Amino acid sequence: MATRVIKNSDKEFSKTLEDVEKRFFHSGGDEQSETILNWNKQDFKEGYVGIWTNNKDASKLIKRSKQYILEIIDYGYAVDFKMDKKGFRSAISAFKVGK
C-alpha cells in the first residue's frame, strides 16, 4: 500500500476513516507495537497535535474523536493523525491518580 495523505476536506476522508477503523480494530500489534503522541508547543499554537500508531489505538481514536481529526497519513502498517487541539485534554490525563 502506498502512503496516502487525506485531509478532512477530501471527499474520500470518511471512507478512509472507516477503512482504517476496521483494519486496526482488535489489532494489538506485536511486541514492537506503539502509539506516539507528538504534542509540541509550535504545533499546539498552530491548533493541532499529532498521534502515530500501529495498533488498535487507531480504531479507538476514530470512534472517540472522529470530529477532531484534521488529517490522516495512512502508511498501511500504521497511521499518523493530525488532531484539532480542541479535542485534546493533555498528555497528563492519560495517567491514573495514585493514592
N, C-alpha and C. Protein backbone atom coordinates (compact mmCIF):
# COMPACT_ATOMS: atom_id res chain seq x y z
N MET A 1 0.85 -1.19 0.00
CA MET A 1 0.00 0.00 0.00
C MET A 1 0.89 1.24 0.00
N ALA A 2 0.59 2.16 -0.87
CA ALA A 2 1.33 3.42 -0.92
C ALA A 2 0.85 4.36 0.18
N THR A 3 1.76 5.19 0.66
CA THR A 3 1.41 6.17 1.68
C THR A 3 0.42 7.17 1.10
N ARG A 4 -0.63 7.44 1.85
CA ARG A 4 -1.65 8.38 1.40
C ARG A 4 -1.89 9.43 2.48
N VAL A 5 -2.00 10.68 2.06
CA VAL A 5 -2.35 11.78 2.96
C VAL A 5 -3.76 12.22 2.59
N ILE A 6 -4.66 12.15 3.56
CA ILE A 6 -6.07 12.50 3.33
C ILE A 6 -6.47 13.55 4.35
N LYS A 7 -6.95 14.68 3.87
CA LYS A 7 -7.41 15.77 4.74
C LYS A 7 -8.92 15.65 4.94
N ASN A 8 -9.42 16.25 6.02
CA ASN A 8 -10.86 16.12 6.31
C ASN A 8 -11.73 16.82 5.27
N SER A 9 -11.14 17.63 4.42
CA SER A 9 -11.89 18.28 3.34
C SER A 9 -11.97 17.42 2.08
N ASP A 10 -11.18 16.34 2.02
CA ASP A 10 -11.19 15.46 0.86
C ASP A 10 -12.44 14.59 0.86
N LYS A 11 -12.95 14.30 -0.33
CA LYS A 11 -14.20 13.54 -0.43
C LYS A 11 -14.06 12.10 0.07
N GLU A 12 -12.86 11.52 0.02
CA GLU A 12 -12.68 10.14 0.50
C GLU A 12 -12.30 10.05 1.97
N PHE A 13 -12.36 11.17 2.69
CA PHE A 13 -11.95 11.19 4.09
C PHE A 13 -12.76 10.23 4.97
N SER A 14 -14.07 10.31 4.90
CA SER A 14 -14.93 9.44 5.74
C SER A 14 -14.70 7.97 5.43
N LYS A 15 -14.59 7.64 4.16
CA LYS A 15 -14.36 6.25 3.74
C LYS A 15 -13.00 5.77 4.25
N THR A 16 -12.00 6.62 4.19
CA THR A 16 -10.67 6.26 4.69
C THR A 16 -10.72 5.99 6.18
N LEU A 17 -11.41 6.84 6.94
CA LEU A 17 -11.53 6.62 8.38
C LEU A 17 -12.22 5.29 8.68
N GLU A 18 -13.27 4.98 7.93
CA GLU A 18 -13.96 3.70 8.12
C GLU A 18 -13.02 2.52 7.86
N ASP A 19 -12.26 2.62 6.77
CA ASP A 19 -11.32 1.55 6.42
C ASP A 19 -10.25 1.37 7.49
N VAL A 20 -9.69 2.47 7.97
CA VAL A 20 -8.65 2.42 8.99
C VAL A 20 -9.22 1.87 10.30
N GLU A 21 -10.42 2.31 10.65
CA GLU A 21 -11.05 1.82 11.88
C GLU A 21 -11.22 0.30 11.84
N LYS A 22 -11.69 -0.22 10.72
CA LYS A 22 -11.88 -1.67 10.58
C LYS A 22 -10.55 -2.41 10.58
N ARG A 23 -9.56 -1.87 9.89
CA ARG A 23 -8.27 -2.54 9.76
C ARG A 23 -7.55 -2.68 11.10
N PHE A 24 -7.68 -1.67 11.96
CA PHE A 24 -6.95 -1.69 13.23
C PHE A 24 -7.80 -2.17 14.42
N PHE A 25 -9.09 -2.45 14.19
CA PHE A 25 -9.95 -2.96 15.25
C PHE A 25 -9.41 -4.30 15.73
N HIS A 26 -9.23 -4.48 17.02
CA HIS A 26 -8.68 -5.70 17.64
C HIS A 26 -7.24 -5.98 17.22
N SER A 27 -6.52 -4.96 16.77
CA SER A 27 -5.14 -5.15 16.36
C SER A 27 -4.21 -4.71 17.49
N GLY A 28 -3.85 -5.64 18.35
CA GLY A 28 -2.97 -5.32 19.46
C GLY A 28 -1.53 -5.10 19.03
N GLY A 29 -1.18 -5.63 17.87
CA GLY A 29 0.18 -5.50 17.39
C GLY A 29 1.13 -6.46 18.09
N ASP A 30 2.37 -6.46 17.65
CA ASP A 30 3.37 -7.32 18.26
C ASP A 30 4.09 -6.59 19.38
N GLU A 31 5.17 -7.15 19.87
CA GLU A 31 5.89 -6.53 20.99
C GLU A 31 6.54 -5.20 20.62
N GLN A 32 6.63 -4.89 19.35
CA GLN A 32 7.18 -3.61 18.90
C GLN A 32 6.09 -2.56 18.65
N SER A 33 4.85 -2.92 18.87
CA SER A 33 3.72 -2.02 18.64
C SER A 33 3.79 -0.82 19.58
N GLU A 34 3.39 0.33 19.06
CA GLU A 34 3.43 1.53 19.91
C GLU A 34 2.46 2.60 19.42
N THR A 35 2.21 3.55 20.30
CA THR A 35 1.45 4.75 20.00
C THR A 35 2.29 5.92 20.49
N ILE A 36 2.46 6.90 19.63
CA ILE A 36 3.30 8.05 19.96
C ILE A 36 2.48 9.32 19.88
N LEU A 37 2.50 10.08 20.95
CA LEU A 37 1.84 11.39 20.99
C LEU A 37 2.89 12.46 20.75
N ASN A 38 2.65 13.30 19.75
CA ASN A 38 3.56 14.40 19.45
C ASN A 38 2.82 15.70 19.79
N TRP A 39 3.14 16.21 20.95
CA TRP A 39 2.46 17.41 21.46
C TRP A 39 3.53 18.44 21.74
N ASN A 40 3.83 19.26 20.75
CA ASN A 40 4.83 20.29 20.98
C ASN A 40 4.21 21.68 20.90
N LYS A 41 4.87 22.65 21.47
CA LYS A 41 4.30 23.99 21.61
C LYS A 41 3.96 24.63 20.27
N GLN A 42 4.84 24.50 19.28
CA GLN A 42 4.59 25.15 18.00
C GLN A 42 3.34 24.57 17.32
N ASP A 43 3.25 23.24 17.27
CA ASP A 43 2.06 22.62 16.67
C ASP A 43 0.81 23.01 17.43
N PHE A 44 0.89 23.03 18.75
CA PHE A 44 -0.27 23.37 19.57
C PHE A 44 -0.70 24.81 19.30
N LYS A 45 0.25 25.72 19.14
CA LYS A 45 -0.08 27.11 18.79
C LYS A 45 -0.78 27.18 17.44
N GLU A 46 -0.38 26.28 16.54
CA GLU A 46 -0.99 26.24 15.21
C GLU A 46 -2.33 25.50 15.22
N GLY A 47 -2.67 24.88 16.36
CA GLY A 47 -4.01 24.30 16.52
C GLY A 47 -4.13 22.79 16.44
N TYR A 48 -3.01 22.08 16.53
CA TYR A 48 -3.14 20.62 16.42
C TYR A 48 -2.08 19.88 17.25
N VAL A 49 -2.35 18.57 17.42
CA VAL A 49 -1.40 17.63 18.00
C VAL A 49 -1.31 16.44 17.04
N GLY A 50 -0.24 15.68 17.12
CA GLY A 50 -0.05 14.53 16.25
C GLY A 50 -0.05 13.23 17.03
N ILE A 51 -0.60 12.19 16.43
CA ILE A 51 -0.62 10.86 17.05
C ILE A 51 -0.28 9.84 15.98
N TRP A 52 0.76 9.04 16.23
CA TRP A 52 1.16 7.96 15.33
C TRP A 52 0.90 6.65 16.05
N THR A 53 0.32 5.69 15.34
CA THR A 53 0.06 4.39 15.96
C THR A 53 0.02 3.27 14.93
N ASN A 54 0.34 2.08 15.40
CA ASN A 54 0.25 0.90 14.55
C ASN A 54 -0.52 -0.22 15.26
N ASN A 55 -1.52 0.19 16.06
CA ASN A 55 -2.32 -0.80 16.78
C ASN A 55 -3.76 -0.32 16.94
N LYS A 56 -4.51 -0.98 17.82
CA LYS A 56 -5.94 -0.71 17.99
C LYS A 56 -6.24 0.70 18.47
N ASP A 57 -5.24 1.44 18.92
CA ASP A 57 -5.48 2.83 19.32
C ASP A 57 -6.01 3.67 18.15
N ALA A 58 -5.66 3.29 16.93
CA ALA A 58 -6.18 3.99 15.75
C ALA A 58 -7.70 3.87 15.69
N SER A 59 -8.19 2.66 15.87
CA SER A 59 -9.63 2.41 15.84
C SER A 59 -10.33 3.14 16.98
N LYS A 60 -9.75 3.08 18.17
CA LYS A 60 -10.33 3.76 19.34
C LYS A 60 -10.39 5.26 19.13
N LEU A 61 -9.32 5.82 18.59
CA LEU A 61 -9.27 7.26 18.37
C LEU A 61 -10.35 7.71 17.38
N ILE A 62 -10.52 6.95 16.33
CA ILE A 62 -11.55 7.29 15.33
C ILE A 62 -12.94 7.20 15.97
N LYS A 63 -13.20 6.16 16.75
CA LYS A 63 -14.51 6.00 17.39
C LYS A 63 -14.79 7.13 18.38
N ARG A 64 -13.78 7.54 19.14
CA ARG A 64 -13.98 8.53 20.20
C ARG A 64 -13.93 9.97 19.72
N SER A 65 -13.09 10.25 18.73
CA SER A 65 -12.80 11.65 18.41
C SER A 65 -12.78 11.95 16.92
N LYS A 66 -13.60 11.27 16.17
CA LYS A 66 -13.63 11.43 14.71
C LYS A 66 -13.77 12.89 14.28
N GLN A 67 -14.58 13.65 15.00
CA GLN A 67 -14.85 15.04 14.61
C GLN A 67 -13.63 15.95 14.76
N TYR A 68 -12.61 15.50 15.48
CA TYR A 68 -11.41 16.31 15.70
C TYR A 68 -10.24 15.94 14.77
N ILE A 69 -10.43 14.94 13.94
CA ILE A 69 -9.35 14.52 13.04
C ILE A 69 -9.30 15.48 11.85
N LEU A 70 -8.16 16.12 11.69
CA LEU A 70 -7.95 17.08 10.61
C LEU A 70 -7.34 16.43 9.37
N GLU A 71 -6.52 15.41 9.62
CA GLU A 71 -5.78 14.78 8.53
C GLU A 71 -5.29 13.41 8.99
N ILE A 72 -5.16 12.51 8.05
CA ILE A 72 -4.61 11.19 8.37
C ILE A 72 -3.60 10.83 7.28
N ILE A 73 -2.48 10.30 7.71
CA ILE A 73 -1.50 9.75 6.79
C ILE A 73 -1.54 8.24 7.00
N ASP A 74 -1.90 7.53 5.97
CA ASP A 74 -2.06 6.07 6.05
C ASP A 74 -0.84 5.41 5.40
N TYR A 75 -0.03 4.75 6.21
CA TYR A 75 1.16 4.06 5.73
C TYR A 75 0.87 2.58 5.41
N GLY A 76 -0.34 2.14 5.74
CA GLY A 76 -0.70 0.74 5.56
C GLY A 76 -0.47 -0.05 6.84
N TYR A 77 0.74 -0.06 7.34
CA TYR A 77 1.09 -0.77 8.57
C TYR A 77 0.88 0.11 9.81
N ALA A 78 0.67 1.41 9.59
CA ALA A 78 0.48 2.38 10.68
C ALA A 78 -0.24 3.61 10.13
N VAL A 79 -0.71 4.45 11.05
CA VAL A 79 -1.36 5.70 10.65
C VAL A 79 -0.86 6.84 11.52
N ASP A 80 -0.91 8.02 10.95
CA ASP A 80 -0.49 9.24 11.63
C ASP A 80 -1.67 10.20 11.57
N PHE A 81 -2.16 10.62 12.72
CA PHE A 81 -3.30 11.52 12.80
C PHE A 81 -2.84 12.93 13.13
N LYS A 82 -3.46 13.89 12.49
CA LYS A 82 -3.31 15.30 12.86
C LYS A 82 -4.65 15.67 13.48
N MET A 83 -4.63 15.98 14.78
CA MET A 83 -5.86 16.20 15.53
C MET A 83 -6.00 17.66 15.94
N ASP A 84 -7.21 18.18 15.85
CA ASP A 84 -7.50 19.53 16.33
C ASP A 84 -7.25 19.58 17.83
N LYS A 85 -6.58 20.61 18.29
CA LYS A 85 -6.27 20.71 19.72
C LYS A 85 -7.52 20.82 20.57
N LYS A 86 -8.64 21.21 19.99
CA LYS A 86 -9.90 21.30 20.75
C LYS A 86 -10.34 19.93 21.27
N GLY A 87 -9.89 18.87 20.63
CA GLY A 87 -10.25 17.51 21.05
C GLY A 87 -9.20 16.86 21.92
N PHE A 88 -8.28 17.64 22.43
CA PHE A 88 -7.16 17.11 23.21
C PHE A 88 -7.17 17.72 24.60
N ARG A 89 -7.12 16.90 25.63
CA ARG A 89 -7.09 17.40 27.00
C ARG A 89 -5.66 17.75 27.38
N SER A 90 -4.87 16.73 27.60
CA SER A 90 -3.44 16.88 27.86
C SER A 90 -2.85 15.49 28.01
N ALA A 91 -1.56 15.38 27.86
CA ALA A 91 -0.92 14.08 27.98
C ALA A 91 -1.02 13.55 29.41
N ILE A 92 -1.04 14.42 30.38
CA ILE A 92 -1.07 14.00 31.78
C ILE A 92 -2.40 13.31 32.12
N SER A 93 -3.46 13.57 31.35
CA SER A 93 -4.75 12.92 31.58
C SER A 93 -4.70 11.42 31.33
N ALA A 94 -3.65 10.94 30.70
CA ALA A 94 -3.51 9.52 30.41
C ALA A 94 -3.16 8.70 31.65
N PHE A 95 -2.73 9.37 32.70
CA PHE A 95 -2.25 8.68 33.88
C PHE A 95 -3.29 8.62 34.98
N LYS A 96 -3.38 7.48 35.65
CA LYS A 96 -4.32 7.32 36.76
C LYS A 96 -3.80 8.04 37.98
N VAL A 97 -4.73 8.46 38.81
CA VAL A 97 -4.36 9.14 40.05
C VAL A 97 -4.02 8.08 41.09
N GLY A 98 -2.82 8.17 41.67
CA GLY A 98 -2.40 7.25 42.71
C GLY A 98 -2.71 7.84 44.08
N LYS A 99 -3.12 6.99 44.99
CA LYS A 99 -3.45 7.49 46.32
C LYS A 99 -2.58 6.83 47.35
